[in-house]
Protein backbone atom coordinates (compact mmCIF):
# COMPACT_ATOMS: atom_id res chain seq x y z
CA UNK A 1 -25.16 37.77 -24.36
CA UNK A 2 -21.48 37.24 -23.72
CA UNK A 3 -19.80 33.87 -24.13
CA UNK A 4 -19.00 31.88 -21.01
CA UNK A 5 -15.44 32.20 -19.77
CA UNK A 6 -13.33 29.04 -19.78
CA UNK A 7 -11.29 28.94 -16.61
CA UNK A 8 -8.03 26.98 -16.58
CA UNK A 9 -8.06 23.68 -14.70
CA UNK A 10 -5.96 23.97 -11.56
CA UNK A 11 -3.76 20.95 -10.96
CA UNK A 12 -3.68 19.49 -7.47
CA UNK A 13 -0.62 19.92 -5.27
CA UNK A 14 0.08 17.00 -2.92
CA UNK A 15 2.18 17.86 0.13
CA UNK A 16 3.98 14.98 1.84
CA UNK A 17 5.73 15.87 5.08
CA UNK A 18 8.52 13.61 6.40
CA UNK A 19 8.73 13.66 10.21
CA UNK A 20 11.55 12.86 12.64
CA UNK A 21 10.75 9.12 12.46
CA UNK A 22 11.11 9.34 8.63
CA UNK A 23 7.41 8.59 8.18
CA UNK A 24 5.55 10.41 5.39
CA UNK A 25 2.26 12.11 6.26
CA UNK A 26 0.65 10.43 3.21
CA UNK A 27 1.93 6.87 2.86
CA UNK A 28 -0.05 6.02 -0.26
CA UNK A 29 -1.64 8.44 -2.71
CA UNK A 30 -3.37 8.30 -6.08
CA UNK A 31 -2.72 11.45 -8.12
CA UNK A 32 -3.93 12.69 -11.49
CA UNK A 33 -1.85 13.40 -14.58
CA UNK A 34 0.14 16.60 -14.12
CA UNK A 35 -0.38 16.89 -10.37
CA UNK A 36 2.49 18.24 -8.29
CA UNK A 37 3.92 16.03 -5.54
CA UNK A 38 6.02 17.89 -2.96
CA UNK A 39 8.12 16.34 -0.20
CA UNK A 40 8.86 18.54 2.83
CA UNK A 41 11.69 17.32 5.04
CA UNK A 42 11.02 17.87 8.75
CA UNK A 43 13.18 14.95 9.87
CA UNK A 44 16.12 16.95 11.20
CA UNK A 45 18.64 15.62 8.63
CA UNK A 46 19.05 15.61 4.87
CA UNK A 47 17.17 12.76 3.17
CA UNK A 48 16.59 11.35 -0.27
CA UNK A 49 13.51 9.85 -1.88
CA UNK A 50 14.38 6.78 -3.94
CA UNK A 51 11.87 5.25 -6.36
CA UNK A 52 12.09 1.52 -7.08
CA UNK A 53 11.73 0.12 -10.58
CA UNK A 54 8.25 -1.12 -11.45
CA UNK A 55 8.92 -3.09 -14.63
CA UNK A 56 7.23 -3.33 -17.06
CA UNK A 57 5.55 -0.11 -15.92
CA UNK A 58 6.92 3.35 -16.62
CA UNK A 59 8.51 5.64 -14.04
CA UNK A 60 6.52 7.98 -11.80
CA UNK A 61 9.20 10.47 -10.86
CA UNK A 62 12.92 11.00 -10.40
CA UNK A 63 14.89 10.24 -7.25
CA UNK A 64 15.01 13.38 -5.12
CA UNK A 65 17.43 14.85 -2.62
CA UNK A 66 15.52 16.81 0.03
CA UNK A 67 17.68 18.92 2.39
CA UNK A 68 16.51 19.32 5.97
CA UNK A 69 13.65 21.89 6.31
CA UNK A 70 13.37 22.15 2.51
CA UNK A 71 10.62 21.16 0.04
CA UNK A 72 11.41 19.38 -3.23
CA UNK A 73 8.91 17.93 -5.67
CA UNK A 74 8.07 16.72 -9.16
CA UNK A 75 5.24 16.83 -11.67
CA UNK A 76 3.34 13.57 -12.18
CA UNK A 77 3.62 12.22 -15.74
CA UNK A 78 0.76 12.30 -18.26
CA UNK A 79 0.36 8.52 -18.32
CA UNK A 80 -0.77 5.74 -16.00
CA UNK A 81 2.04 4.66 -13.70
CA UNK A 82 2.81 3.54 -10.16
CA UNK A 83 5.87 3.29 -7.98
CA UNK A 84 7.10 2.43 -4.53
CA UNK A 85 9.63 4.67 -2.82
CA UNK A 86 11.88 4.51 0.20
CA UNK A 87 13.34 7.24 2.39
CA UNK A 88 17.12 7.19 2.77
CA UNK A 89 19.59 8.98 5.03
CA UNK A 90 22.83 8.78 3.11
CA UNK A 91 22.80 5.23 1.73
CA UNK A 92 20.74 3.77 4.60
CA UNK A 93 17.11 2.91 3.88
CA UNK A 94 14.90 3.97 6.78
CA UNK A 95 12.43 1.42 8.22
CA UNK A 96 8.70 1.61 7.61
CA UNK A 97 8.52 1.67 3.82
CA UNK A 98 8.06 1.18 1.02
CA UNK A 99 5.46 3.86 0.35
CA UNK A 100 3.31 4.26 -2.76
CA UNK A 101 2.38 6.80 -5.42
CA UNK A 102 -0.03 5.86 -8.21
CA UNK A 103 -0.71 8.09 -11.21
CA UNK A 104 -4.12 7.64 -12.82
CA UNK A 105 -4.95 3.96 -13.28
CA UNK A 106 -1.35 2.81 -13.13
CA UNK A 107 -0.58 -0.39 -11.24
CA UNK A 108 2.21 -2.00 -9.34
CA UNK A 109 3.61 -5.18 -10.88
CA UNK A 110 4.72 -8.33 -9.08
CA UNK A 111 6.73 -10.82 -11.14
CA UNK A 112 6.33 -14.44 -10.03
CA UNK A 113 9.01 -16.82 -11.28
CA UNK A 114 10.26 -20.10 -9.81
CA UNK A 115 8.21 -19.50 -6.63
CA UNK A 116 9.89 -16.13 -6.05
CA UNK A 117 8.03 -12.81 -5.92
CA UNK A 118 9.73 -9.63 -7.14
CA UNK A 119 9.47 -7.36 -5.30
CA UNK A 120 8.99 -9.35 -2.10
CA UNK A 121 6.96 -6.53 -0.54
CA UNK A 122 4.89 -4.14 -2.62
CA UNK A 123 2.88 -1.18 -1.33
CA UNK A 124 -0.31 0.12 -2.90
CA UNK A 125 -2.68 2.86 -1.75
CA UNK A 126 -6.27 2.04 -0.82
CA UNK A 127 -8.12 1.97 -4.14
CA UNK A 128 -4.85 1.28 -5.96
CA UNK A 129 -3.97 -1.39 -8.49
CA UNK A 130 -1.61 -4.35 -8.45
CA UNK A 131 -0.93 -7.00 -11.08
CA UNK A 132 0.78 -10.34 -10.54
CA UNK A 133 2.21 -11.97 -13.64
CA UNK A 134 4.21 -15.04 -14.58
CA UNK A 135 6.27 -15.84 -17.65
CA UNK A 136 7.15 -19.46 -16.91
CA UNK A 137 4.30 -21.52 -15.40
CA UNK A 138 0.99 -21.37 -13.54
CA UNK A 139 1.01 -20.53 -9.84
CA UNK A 140 -1.60 -20.92 -7.12
CA UNK A 141 -1.92 -17.94 -4.78
CA UNK A 142 -3.10 -18.32 -1.17
CA UNK A 143 -3.72 -15.60 1.42
CA UNK A 144 -3.23 -17.24 4.84
CA UNK A 145 -4.67 -15.30 7.75
CA UNK A 146 -6.61 -12.90 5.52
CA UNK A 147 -10.33 -12.31 6.06
CA UNK A 148 -10.95 -13.32 2.45
CA UNK A 149 -9.34 -16.31 0.72
CA UNK A 150 -8.78 -14.02 -2.26
CA UNK A 151 -6.72 -11.53 -0.30
CA UNK A 152 -7.42 -7.80 -0.22
CA UNK A 153 -9.06 -7.62 -3.65
CA UNK A 154 -12.55 -6.92 -4.91
CA UNK A 155 -12.56 -10.32 -6.60
CA UNK A 156 -10.49 -13.28 -5.50
CA UNK A 157 -6.98 -13.61 -6.92
CA UNK A 158 -6.04 -17.25 -6.36
CA UNK A 159 -4.10 -18.11 -9.50
CA UNK A 160 -1.66 -16.55 -11.94
CA UNK A 161 -1.48 -18.17 -15.39
CA UNK A 162 1.72 -17.94 -17.43
CA UNK A 163 1.83 -16.33 -20.85
CA UNK A 164 1.52 -12.70 -21.84
CA UNK A 165 -2.07 -13.10 -23.07
CA UNK A 166 -3.09 -14.54 -19.70
CA UNK A 167 -1.39 -11.97 -17.50
CA UNK A 168 -4.63 -10.14 -16.81
CA UNK A 169 -4.80 -10.50 -13.03
CA UNK A 170 -5.15 -6.78 -12.48
CA UNK A 171 -7.24 -6.16 -9.40
CA UNK A 172 -8.59 -3.14 -7.59
CA UNK A 173 -7.77 -3.02 -3.92
CA UNK A 174 -10.69 -2.09 -1.67
CA UNK A 175 -9.22 -3.19 1.65
CA UNK A 176 -8.15 -1.32 4.71
CA UNK A 177 -4.61 -0.19 5.37
CA UNK A 178 -2.92 -3.37 6.52
CA UNK A 179 -0.38 -6.00 5.49
CA UNK A 180 -1.52 -9.02 3.46
CA UNK A 181 0.75 -12.07 3.28
CA UNK A 182 0.50 -14.51 0.40
CA UNK A 183 2.10 -17.77 -0.64
CA UNK A 184 2.76 -19.04 -4.15
CA UNK A 185 2.93 -22.66 -5.26
CA UNK A 186 3.86 -23.93 -8.70
CA UNK A 187 2.17 -26.96 -10.24
CA UNK A 188 3.57 -29.55 -10.08
CA UNK A 189 4.87 -28.79 -6.58
CA UNK A 190 8.19 -26.98 -6.70
CA UNK A 191 8.24 -25.71 -3.12
CA UNK A 192 6.64 -22.58 -1.78
CA UNK A 193 7.46 -18.93 -2.04
CA UNK A 194 5.50 -15.83 -1.25
CA UNK A 195 5.49 -12.16 -0.46
CA UNK A 196 3.52 -9.27 0.97
CA UNK A 197 1.06 -6.70 -0.32
CA UNK A 198 1.18 -3.68 1.98
CA UNK A 199 -1.90 -1.50 1.68
CA UNK A 200 -1.11 2.03 2.87
CA UNK A 201 -3.48 4.89 3.62
CA UNK A 202 -3.35 8.45 2.35
């Protein structure tokens, strides 16, 4: 009896097409370690893909120049990571973004300090991860106009507690592709800030 053959695991190739309105065909994706992510430019002009910093998380991929009608891509890293990206023509950011790529169980981070959210708008794919954290004080989080008082998450996220050991508000998003607004309030009252969690579909 001959031994079973071990076939190599084929990595997935994700193809994201950019149309003439500078909208990607997949606005939010979750990929595995080592997957290939290709951007095909069908916009009619040269574009670039610019990834925003996601501190303290690691990078997902490099910024890419994608000439018109061409395909340019990168290999996803072998670690959990997430990033938002924008589409630029020259130095001008095109409307509609940001868009999201998550690798493995990576998450997007939102820093809340002095009633300011950074970034103001963060995109995550359906099923993706986001973590709000504070390094100065405790903040209350409210989700006005959302179907759930805890926002788009599988369990309510209504407070962020300061301190590294307490920054565990990592939630799995199970919502639909829509925009969720939130407000933040420090205690004692220091005024209100807020931001947006933009859930984008694949």
